Amino acid sequence: MNQTILNARFAEAKAMRYTPAGLPALDLTLEHESEVPEAGGQRQVKVEIRAVAFGTDAETLARQAIGSGFRFTGFLAAPRHGKHPVLHIQSFQQDQVS
């Protein structure tokens, strides 16, 4: 199963683009920072991840303020010409804590 749930801040968005089929697409950069248990201790985690949203999710996210926090759900996939994973956003909701 390939499912990712990530609480993150909306750090950057590129201009809205459209797929060859006419579907809106938005490329994003998300930032996450937390403390998680690992090997009996606590680890500080700070990560920046690329993400993409399509359709009405892309249109809605394009209207959000930079720095807004969300809980994103989706899956990881490598882009056609890249090695690093991209979070494909399938759903999201406003994060009241970020």
N, C-alpha and C. Protein backbone atom coordinates (compact mmCIF):
# COMPACT_ATOMS: atom_id res chain seq x y z
N MET A 1 0.84 -1.18 0.00
CA MET A 1 0.00 0.00 0.00
C MET A 1 0.89 1.24 0.00
N ASN A 2 0.54 2.21 -0.78
CA ASN A 2 1.29 3.47 -0.90
C ASN A 2 0.34 4.59 -0.48
N GLN A 3 0.36 4.92 0.81
CA GLN A 3 -0.47 6.01 1.32
C GLN A 3 0.37 6.85 2.25
N THR A 4 0.28 8.15 2.09
CA THR A 4 1.03 9.09 2.91
C THR A 4 0.06 10.08 3.53
N ILE A 5 0.23 10.31 4.82
CA ILE A 5 -0.52 11.35 5.53
C ILE A 5 0.52 12.28 6.13
N LEU A 6 0.40 13.56 5.84
CA LEU A 6 1.42 14.51 6.26
C LEU A 6 0.78 15.83 6.65
N ASN A 7 1.06 16.27 7.87
CA ASN A 7 0.69 17.62 8.28
C ASN A 7 1.82 18.53 7.83
N ALA A 8 1.51 19.54 7.04
CA ALA A 8 2.56 20.39 6.47
C ALA A 8 2.01 21.78 6.18
N ARG A 9 2.96 22.70 6.04
CA ARG A 9 2.63 24.07 5.66
C ARG A 9 2.80 24.21 4.14
N PHE A 10 1.94 25.00 3.58
CA PHE A 10 1.96 25.34 2.17
C PHE A 10 3.06 26.38 1.98
N ALA A 11 4.20 25.97 1.43
CA ALA A 11 5.36 26.85 1.36
C ALA A 11 5.47 27.61 0.04
N GLU A 12 5.09 26.97 -1.05
CA GLU A 12 5.25 27.59 -2.37
C GLU A 12 4.32 26.91 -3.36
N ALA A 13 3.86 27.68 -4.33
CA ALA A 13 3.06 27.11 -5.42
C ALA A 13 3.51 27.74 -6.73
N LYS A 14 3.64 26.92 -7.74
CA LYS A 14 3.94 27.42 -9.08
C LYS A 14 2.62 27.87 -9.72
N ALA A 15 2.70 28.46 -10.88
CA ALA A 15 1.50 28.88 -11.60
C ALA A 15 0.67 27.65 -11.98
N MET A 16 -0.64 27.82 -11.96
CA MET A 16 -1.54 26.73 -12.37
C MET A 16 -1.20 26.34 -13.80
N ARG A 17 -1.17 25.03 -14.04
CA ARG A 17 -0.96 24.53 -15.40
C ARG A 17 -2.10 23.57 -15.71
N TYR A 18 -2.15 23.09 -16.92
CA TYR A 18 -3.22 22.18 -17.33
C TYR A 18 -2.61 20.98 -18.03
N THR A 19 -3.12 19.81 -17.73
CA THR A 19 -2.65 18.59 -18.38
C THR A 19 -3.12 18.58 -19.83
N PRO A 20 -2.57 17.70 -20.67
CA PRO A 20 -3.06 17.62 -22.06
C PRO A 20 -4.56 17.36 -22.15
N ALA A 21 -5.13 16.75 -21.12
CA ALA A 21 -6.57 16.49 -21.11
C ALA A 21 -7.37 17.69 -20.58
N GLY A 22 -6.67 18.78 -20.21
CA GLY A 22 -7.35 19.97 -19.74
C GLY A 22 -7.60 20.02 -18.25
N LEU A 23 -7.02 19.10 -17.50
CA LEU A 23 -7.22 19.04 -16.05
C LEU A 23 -6.27 20.02 -15.35
N PRO A 24 -6.80 20.88 -14.46
CA PRO A 24 -5.93 21.80 -13.73
C PRO A 24 -4.91 21.01 -12.88
N ALA A 25 -3.68 21.51 -12.83
CA ALA A 25 -2.62 20.87 -12.04
C ALA A 25 -1.82 21.97 -11.34
N LEU A 26 -1.49 21.73 -10.07
CA LEU A 26 -0.74 22.71 -9.29
C LEU A 26 0.45 22.01 -8.64
N ASP A 27 1.65 22.50 -8.94
CA ASP A 27 2.87 21.98 -8.33
C ASP A 27 3.16 22.81 -7.08
N LEU A 28 3.41 22.11 -5.97
CA LEU A 28 3.57 22.75 -4.66
C LEU A 28 4.86 22.33 -3.99
N THR A 29 5.28 23.12 -3.03
CA THR A 29 6.32 22.72 -2.09
C THR A 29 5.69 22.79 -0.71
N LEU A 30 5.83 21.69 0.03
CA LEU A 30 5.29 21.61 1.39
C LEU A 30 6.43 21.53 2.38
N GLU A 31 6.25 22.11 3.58
CA GLU A 31 7.24 22.03 4.65
C GLU A 31 6.61 21.40 5.87
N HIS A 32 7.34 20.45 6.44
CA HIS A 32 6.89 19.75 7.65
C HIS A 32 7.98 19.85 8.71
N GLU A 33 7.55 20.06 9.95
CA GLU A 33 8.49 20.09 11.08
C GLU A 33 7.80 19.45 12.28
N SER A 34 8.49 18.49 12.91
CA SER A 34 7.91 17.81 14.08
C SER A 34 9.01 17.14 14.89
N GLU A 35 8.58 16.53 15.97
CA GLU A 35 9.45 15.71 16.81
C GLU A 35 8.79 14.34 16.91
N VAL A 36 9.54 13.28 16.58
CA VAL A 36 8.98 11.93 16.58
C VAL A 36 9.86 10.99 17.40
N PRO A 37 9.25 9.97 18.03
CA PRO A 37 10.06 9.00 18.77
C PRO A 37 10.82 8.09 17.81
N GLU A 38 12.09 7.83 18.16
CA GLU A 38 12.90 6.92 17.36
C GLU A 38 13.98 6.31 18.26
N ALA A 39 14.04 4.99 18.30
CA ALA A 39 15.08 4.25 19.03
C ALA A 39 15.22 4.72 20.47
N GLY A 40 14.08 4.92 21.14
CA GLY A 40 14.09 5.29 22.55
C GLY A 40 14.33 6.77 22.82
N GLY A 41 14.46 7.57 21.80
CA GLY A 41 14.67 9.01 21.97
C GLY A 41 13.72 9.79 21.10
N GLN A 42 13.93 11.08 21.05
CA GLN A 42 13.12 11.95 20.21
C GLN A 42 13.99 12.49 19.08
N ARG A 43 13.44 12.53 17.90
CA ARG A 43 14.18 13.02 16.74
C ARG A 43 13.45 14.24 16.18
N GLN A 44 14.20 15.29 15.93
CA GLN A 44 13.65 16.48 15.27
C GLN A 44 13.60 16.20 13.77
N VAL A 45 12.45 16.40 13.18
CA VAL A 45 12.27 16.16 11.75
C VAL A 45 11.88 17.46 11.08
N LYS A 46 12.61 17.80 10.05
CA LYS A 46 12.28 18.97 9.23
C LYS A 46 12.48 18.54 7.78
N VAL A 47 11.42 18.62 6.98
CA VAL A 47 11.51 18.16 5.60
C VAL A 47 10.71 19.08 4.68
N GLU A 48 11.24 19.22 3.48
CA GLU A 48 10.55 19.94 2.42
C GLU A 48 10.27 18.91 1.34
N ILE A 49 9.04 18.86 0.85
CA ILE A 49 8.67 17.85 -0.14
C ILE A 49 7.87 18.50 -1.26
N ARG A 50 8.15 18.04 -2.46
CA ARG A 50 7.37 18.48 -3.61
C ARG A 50 6.05 17.71 -3.63
N ALA A 51 5.01 18.40 -4.11
CA ALA A 51 3.69 17.79 -4.17
C ALA A 51 2.98 18.30 -5.43
N VAL A 52 1.93 17.59 -5.81
CA VAL A 52 1.12 18.00 -6.95
C VAL A 52 -0.34 17.69 -6.63
N ALA A 53 -1.22 18.59 -7.05
CA ALA A 53 -2.67 18.39 -6.89
C ALA A 53 -3.32 18.60 -8.25
N PHE A 54 -4.40 17.88 -8.50
CA PHE A 54 -5.10 17.96 -9.78
C PHE A 54 -6.57 18.31 -9.56
N GLY A 55 -7.21 18.81 -10.59
CA GLY A 55 -8.65 19.07 -10.57
C GLY A 55 -9.06 20.13 -9.57
N THR A 56 -10.19 19.90 -8.91
CA THR A 56 -10.71 20.88 -7.96
C THR A 56 -9.78 21.06 -6.77
N ASP A 57 -9.02 20.02 -6.38
CA ASP A 57 -8.03 20.18 -5.31
C ASP A 57 -6.99 21.21 -5.70
N ALA A 58 -6.52 21.17 -6.95
CA ALA A 58 -5.54 22.15 -7.44
C ALA A 58 -6.13 23.56 -7.40
N GLU A 59 -7.35 23.70 -7.85
CA GLU A 59 -7.99 25.02 -7.87
C GLU A 59 -8.17 25.57 -6.45
N THR A 60 -8.56 24.73 -5.53
CA THR A 60 -8.75 25.16 -4.14
C THR A 60 -7.43 25.53 -3.50
N LEU A 61 -6.40 24.70 -3.68
CA LEU A 61 -5.10 24.99 -3.08
C LEU A 61 -4.47 26.25 -3.67
N ALA A 62 -4.74 26.54 -4.92
CA ALA A 62 -4.18 27.74 -5.56
C ALA A 62 -4.67 29.02 -4.88
N ARG A 63 -5.80 28.94 -4.19
CA ARG A 63 -6.37 30.11 -3.51
C ARG A 63 -5.93 30.23 -2.05
N GLN A 64 -5.14 29.29 -1.56
CA GLN A 64 -4.74 29.30 -0.15
C GLN A 64 -3.51 30.18 0.07
N ALA A 65 -3.43 30.72 1.27
CA ALA A 65 -2.30 31.59 1.63
C ALA A 65 -1.05 30.77 1.91
N ILE A 66 0.08 31.29 1.46
CA ILE A 66 1.36 30.66 1.78
C ILE A 66 1.50 30.64 3.31
N GLY A 67 1.96 29.52 3.85
CA GLY A 67 2.10 29.36 5.29
C GLY A 67 0.92 28.66 5.94
N SER A 68 -0.17 28.48 5.21
CA SER A 68 -1.34 27.78 5.76
C SER A 68 -1.00 26.32 6.02
N GLY A 69 -1.53 25.78 7.11
CA GLY A 69 -1.27 24.39 7.46
C GLY A 69 -2.42 23.48 7.05
N PHE A 70 -2.06 22.31 6.54
CA PHE A 70 -3.05 21.33 6.10
C PHE A 70 -2.61 19.92 6.49
N ARG A 71 -3.56 19.03 6.53
CA ARG A 71 -3.28 17.60 6.64
C ARG A 71 -3.55 17.02 5.25
N PHE A 72 -2.47 16.60 4.59
CA PHE A 72 -2.54 16.09 3.23
C PHE A 72 -2.56 14.56 3.25
N THR A 73 -3.37 13.98 2.40
CA THR A 73 -3.39 12.53 2.20
C THR A 73 -3.16 12.28 0.71
N GLY A 74 -2.29 11.31 0.41
CA GLY A 74 -2.03 11.00 -0.97
C GLY A 74 -1.08 9.83 -1.11
N PHE A 75 -0.37 9.78 -2.22
CA PHE A 75 0.58 8.70 -2.46
C PHE A 75 1.86 9.28 -3.04
N LEU A 76 2.95 8.56 -2.90
CA LEU A 76 4.24 8.99 -3.42
C LEU A 76 4.51 8.34 -4.77
N ALA A 77 5.03 9.14 -5.70
CA ALA A 77 5.41 8.64 -7.02
C ALA A 77 6.58 9.46 -7.52
N ALA A 78 7.44 8.84 -8.31
CA ALA A 78 8.56 9.55 -8.92
C ALA A 78 8.07 10.20 -10.21
N PRO A 79 8.50 11.43 -10.48
CA PRO A 79 8.12 12.04 -11.76
C PRO A 79 8.78 11.31 -12.91
N ARG A 80 8.28 11.50 -14.10
CA ARG A 80 8.78 10.80 -15.28
C ARG A 80 10.29 10.97 -15.47
N HIS A 81 10.79 12.17 -15.23
CA HIS A 81 12.20 12.43 -15.49
C HIS A 81 12.93 12.83 -14.21
N GLY A 82 12.60 12.18 -13.11
CA GLY A 82 13.23 12.53 -11.85
C GLY A 82 13.38 11.34 -10.95
N LYS A 83 14.15 11.53 -9.89
CA LYS A 83 14.41 10.44 -8.96
C LYS A 83 13.71 10.64 -7.63
N HIS A 84 13.43 11.88 -7.27
CA HIS A 84 12.87 12.17 -5.95
C HIS A 84 11.36 12.04 -5.97
N PRO A 85 10.79 11.48 -4.91
CA PRO A 85 9.34 11.28 -4.88
C PRO A 85 8.57 12.59 -4.79
N VAL A 86 7.38 12.56 -5.32
CA VAL A 86 6.45 13.69 -5.27
C VAL A 86 5.17 13.17 -4.62
N LEU A 87 4.64 13.95 -3.66
CA LEU A 87 3.38 13.59 -3.03
C LEU A 87 2.23 13.99 -3.95
N HIS A 88 1.46 13.02 -4.40
CA HIS A 88 0.27 13.28 -5.20
C HIS A 88 -0.89 13.41 -4.22
N ILE A 89 -1.39 14.62 -4.09
CA ILE A 89 -2.43 14.92 -3.10
C ILE A 89 -3.77 14.40 -3.59
N GLN A 90 -4.41 13.58 -2.74
CA GLN A 90 -5.73 13.05 -3.05
C GLN A 90 -6.81 13.74 -2.23
N SER A 91 -6.45 14.23 -1.05
CA SER A 91 -7.38 14.99 -0.22
C SER A 91 -6.58 15.82 0.77
N PHE A 92 -7.23 16.81 1.34
CA PHE A 92 -6.58 17.65 2.34
C PHE A 92 -7.65 18.35 3.17
N GLN A 93 -7.25 18.73 4.35
CA GLN A 93 -8.12 19.52 5.22
C GLN A 93 -7.29 20.50 6.01
N GLN A 94 -7.89 21.61 6.36
CA GLN A 94 -7.19 22.65 7.12
C GLN A 94 -6.70 22.06 8.43
N ASP A 95 -5.44 22.33 8.76
CA ASP A 95 -4.84 21.86 10.01
C ASP A 95 -4.96 22.98 11.02
N GLN A 96 -5.70 22.75 12.09
CA GLN A 96 -5.95 23.78 13.10
C GLN A 96 -4.74 24.02 13.99
N VAL A 97 -3.73 23.12 13.94
CA VAL A 97 -2.58 23.21 14.85
C VAL A 97 -1.40 23.93 14.22
N SER A 98 -1.18 23.81 12.90
CA SER A 98 0.01 24.39 12.24
C SER A 98 0.05 25.89 12.33
